[in-house]
């Protein structure tokens, strides 16, 4: 992987976090009108510091990327109603299932696939989650599938396409993990927007009530101003919450689409070699490498 691709992959979560946070503030400014000095000041400051922010967010994005990998490998995946929204399941086993009974499987790898329990979820209060042991079994099967993948690429039948297949494998893996890091970036940007909205609301309320404004307005007018501001806050919060949910769904769709393509690629190559099937040369050479 070249340096430029590494920088973009690591910087992307930081850029996305700042972009979403700025977008949330911009939506709030649009909903509340142009008489929002604090929101307008934030947006003006971001505009003036656009280039420095683009550079500063690179180490910030790298930190988010490392946080994502720690969560990915170390934290049990929660589930609502036993439906997971992040964890792809035991995909290593799914790849190797067609070849696990092959006579050479245990001789080559000196181990068998780990059989996860039929029901991998455990209950903790209202939340179901996959236990650390189940996640460890998933990782072992995935590492076994990785070993089978690189062993299959060294087969004589793939000597002309191994480099292309490895680049495609790398590209799909980059997309999968980059979009996963964007999950974390969005999960950071949204709470920061809530804190910003709370700070702006508190500052405006303090300015309003500490001045002469309530004395110059009638009680009914003051209540109307407060009610209008509250309704507008709730509208902007609802819109930004909807944007967050839609963005999560889009990230998930792209992430799982790239991962399914990765699984198909690895499964085809491993199955072709270990079951001694003809190489699908026409299919491989017809698929362009996307860089």
Protein backbone atom coordinates (compact mmCIF):
# COMPACT_ATOMS: atom_id res chain seq x y z
CA UNK A 1 0.00 0.00 0.00
CA UNK A 2 1.46 3.36 -0.99
CA UNK A 3 1.89 6.28 1.38
CA UNK A 4 -0.83 8.43 -0.23
CA UNK A 5 -3.44 5.73 0.27
CA UNK A 6 -2.41 5.30 3.91
CA UNK A 7 -2.69 9.04 4.59
CA UNK A 8 -6.14 9.23 2.98
CA UNK A 9 -7.37 6.14 4.82
CA UNK A 10 -6.15 7.40 8.19
CA UNK A 11 -7.26 11.01 7.62
CA UNK A 12 -10.75 10.15 6.35
CA UNK A 13 -12.35 9.55 9.79
CA UNK A 14 -11.04 12.90 11.07
CA UNK A 15 -12.31 14.74 8.00
CA UNK A 16 -15.70 13.03 8.31
CA UNK A 17 -16.01 13.89 12.01
CA UNK A 18 -15.32 17.60 11.38
CA UNK A 19 -17.51 17.63 8.27
CA UNK A 20 -20.50 16.12 10.07
CA UNK A 21 -20.09 18.37 13.11
CA UNK A 22 -19.89 21.46 10.90
CA UNK A 23 -22.90 20.25 8.89
CA UNK A 24 -24.93 19.78 12.06
CA UNK A 25 -24.12 23.33 13.18
CA UNK A 26 -24.99 24.66 9.71
CA UNK A 27 -28.38 22.92 9.79
CA UNK A 28 -29.11 24.45 13.19
CA UNK A 29 -28.10 27.90 11.88
CA UNK A 30 -30.40 27.49 8.86
CA UNK A 31 -33.35 26.39 11.00
CA UNK A 32 -32.92 29.21 13.53
CA UNK A 33 -32.29 31.91 10.94
CA UNK A 34 -29.35 34.24 10.51
CA UNK A 35 -29.65 35.89 13.95
CA UNK A 36 -27.41 33.26 15.55
CA UNK A 37 -24.09 35.01 16.29
CA UNK A 38 -22.52 32.01 18.02
CA UNK A 39 -23.40 29.55 15.23
CA UNK A 40 -22.32 32.01 12.55
CA UNK A 41 -19.09 32.62 14.47
CA UNK A 42 -18.35 28.88 14.56
CA UNK A 43 -19.00 28.48 10.83
CA UNK A 44 -16.92 31.55 10.01
CA UNK A 45 -14.05 30.26 12.14
CA UNK A 46 -14.16 26.85 10.43
CA UNK A 47 -14.11 28.56 7.02
CA UNK A 48 -11.10 30.70 7.96
CA UNK A 49 -9.19 27.70 9.33
CA UNK A 50 -10.17 25.25 6.60
CA UNK A 51 -6.62 24.36 5.51
CA UNK A 52 -5.16 24.06 9.05
CA UNK A 53 -8.15 21.96 10.08
CA UNK A 54 -7.55 19.66 7.10
CA UNK A 55 -4.01 19.05 8.36
CA UNK A 56 -4.86 18.82 12.07
CA UNK A 57 -7.58 16.26 11.44
CA UNK A 58 -5.07 13.79 9.97
CA UNK A 59 -3.66 12.73 13.40
CA UNK A 60 -7.20 13.02 14.79
CA UNK A 61 -8.42 10.63 12.07
CA UNK A 62 -5.53 8.27 12.77
CA UNK A 63 -6.58 8.18 16.44
CA UNK A 64 -10.18 7.43 15.44
CA UNK A 65 -8.92 4.67 13.14
CA UNK A 66 -7.00 3.02 15.97
CA UNK A 67 -10.02 3.34 18.26
CA UNK A 68 -12.13 1.63 15.60
CA UNK A 69 -9.68 -1.28 15.34
CA UNK A 70 -9.63 -1.67 19.11
CA UNK A 71 -13.42 -1.76 19.17
CA UNK A 72 -13.45 -4.13 16.19
CA UNK A 73 -11.15 -6.71 17.76
CA UNK A 74 -11.68 -6.30 21.49
CA UNK A 75 -15.22 -5.20 22.33
CA UNK A 76 -18.11 -7.69 22.34
CA UNK A 77 -20.69 -6.65 19.77
CA UNK A 78 -24.03 -5.56 21.28
CA UNK A 79 -27.34 -6.39 19.67
CA UNK A 80 -30.92 -5.20 19.91
CA UNK A 81 -33.48 -7.99 19.64
CA UNK A 82 -30.57 -10.30 18.66
CA UNK A 83 -29.95 -8.31 15.50
CA UNK A 84 -26.45 -6.96 15.09
CA UNK A 85 -25.85 -3.78 13.15
CA UNK A 86 -22.06 -3.90 12.97
CA UNK A 87 -20.71 -7.42 13.43
CA UNK A 88 -20.67 -9.42 10.16
CA UNK A 89 -20.72 -12.78 11.93
CA UNK A 90 -18.45 -15.79 11.45
CA UNK A 91 -17.35 -14.99 7.90
CA UNK A 92 -14.14 -17.02 8.14
CA UNK A 93 -16.22 -20.14 8.66
CA UNK A 94 -18.52 -19.10 5.80
CA UNK A 95 -15.51 -18.91 3.46
CA UNK A 96 -14.00 -22.24 4.51
CA UNK A 97 -17.21 -24.26 4.92
CA UNK A 98 -17.06 -25.64 1.34
CA UNK A 99 -13.51 -26.95 1.87
CA UNK A 100 -13.43 -27.84 5.58
CA UNK A 101 -13.97 -31.54 4.83
CA UNK A 102 -11.23 -31.61 2.22
CA UNK A 103 -8.68 -34.34 2.90
CA UNK A 104 -5.78 -31.87 2.80
CA UNK A 105 -7.36 -29.28 5.08
CA UNK A 106 -6.10 -30.53 8.44
CA UNK A 107 -2.80 -31.66 6.96
CA UNK A 108 -2.12 -28.18 5.55
CA UNK A 109 -3.34 -26.06 8.47
CA UNK A 110 -2.90 -28.52 11.35
CA UNK A 111 -6.23 -27.41 12.80
CA UNK A 112 -9.94 -27.43 12.14
CA UNK A 113 -12.50 -24.68 11.98
CA UNK A 114 -13.81 -23.56 15.36
CA UNK A 115 -17.52 -24.31 15.71
CA UNK A 116 -19.24 -21.37 17.35
CA UNK A 117 -22.32 -22.20 19.47
CA UNK A 118 -25.65 -22.25 17.60
CA UNK A 119 -26.80 -19.27 19.67
CA UNK A 120 -23.77 -16.97 20.10
CA UNK A 121 -25.66 -14.30 22.06
CA UNK A 122 -25.67 -13.79 25.80
CA UNK A 123 -28.00 -11.52 27.72
CA UNK A 124 -26.94 -8.62 29.90
CA UNK A 125 -29.99 -6.72 31.08
CA UNK A 126 -32.05 -5.67 28.04
CA UNK A 127 -29.09 -6.07 25.67
CA UNK A 128 -27.91 -9.21 23.93
CA UNK A 129 -24.27 -9.42 22.97
CA UNK A 130 -21.71 -11.80 21.51
CA UNK A 131 -19.34 -12.97 24.21
CA UNK A 132 -15.56 -12.44 24.06
CA UNK A 133 -15.11 -16.21 23.56
CA UNK A 134 -17.39 -16.21 20.50
CA UNK A 135 -15.57 -13.18 19.08
CA UNK A 136 -12.25 -14.95 19.68
CA UNK A 137 -13.54 -18.01 17.80
CA UNK A 138 -14.59 -15.75 14.93
CA UNK A 139 -11.11 -14.22 14.79
CA UNK A 140 -9.44 -17.64 14.74
CA UNK A 141 -11.59 -18.74 11.80
CA UNK A 142 -10.92 -15.48 9.97
CA UNK A 143 -7.15 -15.85 10.46
CA UNK A 144 -7.43 -19.40 9.16
CA UNK A 145 -9.27 -18.09 6.09
CA UNK A 146 -6.47 -15.53 5.59
CA UNK A 147 -3.88 -18.32 5.67
CA UNK A 148 -5.89 -20.29 3.11
CA UNK A 149 -6.17 -17.18 0.92
CA UNK A 150 -2.43 -16.50 0.74
CA UNK A 151 -1.70 -20.19 0.28
CA UNK A 152 -4.17 -20.34 -2.62
CA UNK A 153 -2.61 -17.28 -4.27
CA UNK A 154 0.74 -19.08 -4.34
CA UNK A 155 -0.80 -21.85 -6.45
CA UNK A 156 0.60 -22.24 -9.95
CA UNK A 157 -2.75 -21.46 -11.57
CA UNK A 158 -2.75 -17.95 -10.10
CA UNK A 159 0.80 -16.97 -10.98
CA UNK A 160 -0.44 -14.47 -13.62
CA UNK A 161 -3.33 -13.03 -11.60
CA UNK A 162 -2.08 -13.22 -8.00
CA UNK A 163 -0.89 -9.58 -7.96
CA UNK A 164 -4.19 -8.31 -9.35
CA UNK A 165 -6.22 -10.41 -6.91
CA UNK A 166 -4.14 -9.23 -3.95
CA UNK A 167 -4.59 -5.57 -4.96
CA UNK A 168 -8.33 -6.06 -5.28
CA UNK A 169 -8.41 -7.82 -1.92
CA UNK A 170 -6.48 -4.92 -0.38
CA UNK A 171 -8.75 -2.33 -2.00
CA UNK A 172 -11.94 -3.97 -0.72
CA UNK A 173 -10.44 -4.34 2.74
CA UNK A 174 -9.51 -0.63 2.75
CA UNK A 175 -13.09 0.34 1.91
CA UNK A 176 -14.50 -1.97 4.57
CA UNK A 177 -12.32 -0.67 7.40
CA UNK A 178 -12.43 2.98 6.28
CA UNK A 179 -16.24 2.97 6.37
CA UNK A 180 -16.06 1.21 9.74
CA UNK A 181 -13.87 4.04 11.04
CA UNK A 182 -16.45 6.49 9.67
CA UNK A 183 -18.98 4.81 12.00
CA UNK A 184 -16.80 5.87 14.92
CA UNK A 185 -16.24 9.36 13.46
CA UNK A 186 -19.98 9.91 13.16
CA UNK A 187 -20.51 8.52 16.66
CA UNK A 188 -18.04 11.16 17.91
CA UNK A 189 -19.38 14.06 15.81
CA UNK A 190 -23.01 13.69 16.93
CA UNK A 191 -22.38 13.96 20.72
CA UNK A 192 -20.07 16.92 20.08
CA UNK A 193 -22.91 18.58 18.17
CA UNK A 194 -25.24 17.96 21.15
CA UNK A 195 -22.69 19.58 23.47
CA UNK A 196 -22.30 22.52 21.06
CA UNK A 197 -26.07 22.95 20.85
CA UNK A 198 -26.32 22.87 24.64
CA UNK A 199 -23.55 25.44 25.02
CA UNK A 200 -25.14 27.78 22.46
CA UNK A 201 -28.56 27.43 24.10
CA UNK A 202 -27.13 28.14 27.55
CA UNK A 203 -25.14 31.16 26.31
CA UNK A 204 -28.12 32.65 24.50
CA UNK A 205 -30.43 32.08 27.47
CA UNK A 206 -27.96 33.73 29.85
CA UNK A 207 -27.59 36.71 27.52
CA UNK A 208 -31.35 37.03 27.14
CA UNK A 209 -32.25 36.86 30.81
CA UNK A 210 -29.31 38.88 32.11
CA UNK A 211 -30.16 41.90 29.95
CA UNK A 212 -33.09 44.26 29.73
CA UNK A 213 -34.91 42.17 27.13
CA UNK A 214 -37.37 40.43 29.54
CA UNK A 215 -38.17 43.82 31.11
CA UNK A 216 -38.97 45.40 27.76
CA UNK A 217 -41.18 42.52 26.64
CA UNK A 218 -44.46 41.40 28.10
CA UNK A 219 -44.68 38.05 29.88
CA UNK A 220 -46.68 36.59 26.99
CA UNK A 221 -44.11 37.75 24.46
CA UNK A 222 -41.28 36.35 26.55
CA UNK A 223 -43.02 32.97 26.74
CA UNK A 224 -43.57 33.07 22.98
CA UNK A 225 -39.87 33.76 22.37
CA UNK A 226 -38.83 30.91 24.64
CA UNK A 227 -41.37 28.52 23.07
CA UNK A 228 -40.30 29.41 19.53
CA UNK A 229 -36.62 28.93 20.37
CA UNK A 230 -37.36 25.56 22.00
CA UNK A 231 -39.39 24.32 19.02
CA UNK A 232 -36.67 25.38 16.59
CA UNK A 233 -34.06 23.60 18.72
CA UNK A 234 -36.12 20.41 18.66
CA UNK A 235 -36.63 20.66 14.88
CA UNK A 236 -32.91 21.07 14.21
CA UNK A 237 -32.11 18.25 16.63
CA UNK A 238 -34.61 15.96 14.89
CA UNK A 239 -33.26 16.77 11.43
CA UNK A 240 -29.65 16.20 12.49
CA UNK A 241 -30.61 12.95 14.23
CA UNK A 242 -32.28 11.78 10.99
CA UNK A 243 -29.14 12.74 9.03
CA UNK A 244 -27.07 10.68 11.48
CA UNK A 245 -29.27 7.60 11.06
CA UNK A 246 -29.26 7.89 7.26
CA UNK A 247 -25.47 8.30 7.25
CA UNK A 248 -25.09 5.20 9.44
CA UNK A 249 -27.26 3.23 7.02
CA UNK A 250 -25.29 4.44 4.01
CA UNK A 251 -21.98 3.59 5.67
CA UNK A 252 -23.32 0.15 6.57
CA UNK A 253 -24.58 -0.51 3.04
CA UNK A 254 -21.26 0.40 1.43
CA UNK A 255 -19.27 -1.41 4.11
CA UNK A 256 -21.14 -4.68 3.83
CA UNK A 257 -21.24 -4.50 0.01
CA UNK A 258 -17.43 -4.25 -0.08
CA UNK A 259 -17.12 -7.02 2.50
CA UNK A 260 -19.45 -9.36 0.58
CA UNK A 261 -17.35 -8.76 -2.55
CA UNK A 262 -14.24 -9.53 -0.49
CA UNK A 263 -15.77 -12.78 0.76
CA UNK A 264 -16.76 -13.85 -2.75
CA UNK A 265 -13.23 -13.15 -3.99
CA UNK A 266 -11.53 -15.12 -1.23
CA UNK A 267 -14.07 -17.93 -1.33
CA UNK A 268 -13.73 -18.43 -5.10
CA UNK A 269 -9.92 -18.55 -5.03
CA UNK A 270 -9.70 -20.86 -2.00
CA UNK A 271 -12.38 -23.21 -3.32
CA UNK A 272 -10.80 -23.37 -6.76
CA UNK A 273 -7.46 -24.44 -5.35
CA UNK A 274 -8.45 -26.72 -2.47
CA UNK A 275 -11.16 -28.57 -4.39
CA UNK A 276 -8.99 -28.65 -7.49
CA UNK A 277 -11.58 -26.93 -9.67
CA UNK A 278 -10.70 -25.15 -12.92
CA UNK A 279 -9.50 -21.61 -12.43
CA UNK A 280 -12.14 -18.99 -13.35
CA UNK A 281 -9.76 -17.08 -15.59
CA UNK A 282 -12.46 -15.37 -17.64
CA UNK A 283 -14.21 -14.00 -14.57
CA UNK A 284 -11.04 -12.75 -12.93
CA UNK A 285 -9.59 -11.07 -15.99
CA UNK A 286 -12.94 -9.49 -16.88
CA UNK A 287 -13.14 -7.69 -13.53
CA UNK A 288 -11.15 -4.44 -13.65
CA UNK A 289 -8.95 -3.47 -10.77
CA UNK A 290 -10.37 -0.46 -8.98
CA UNK A 291 -7.71 1.71 -7.47
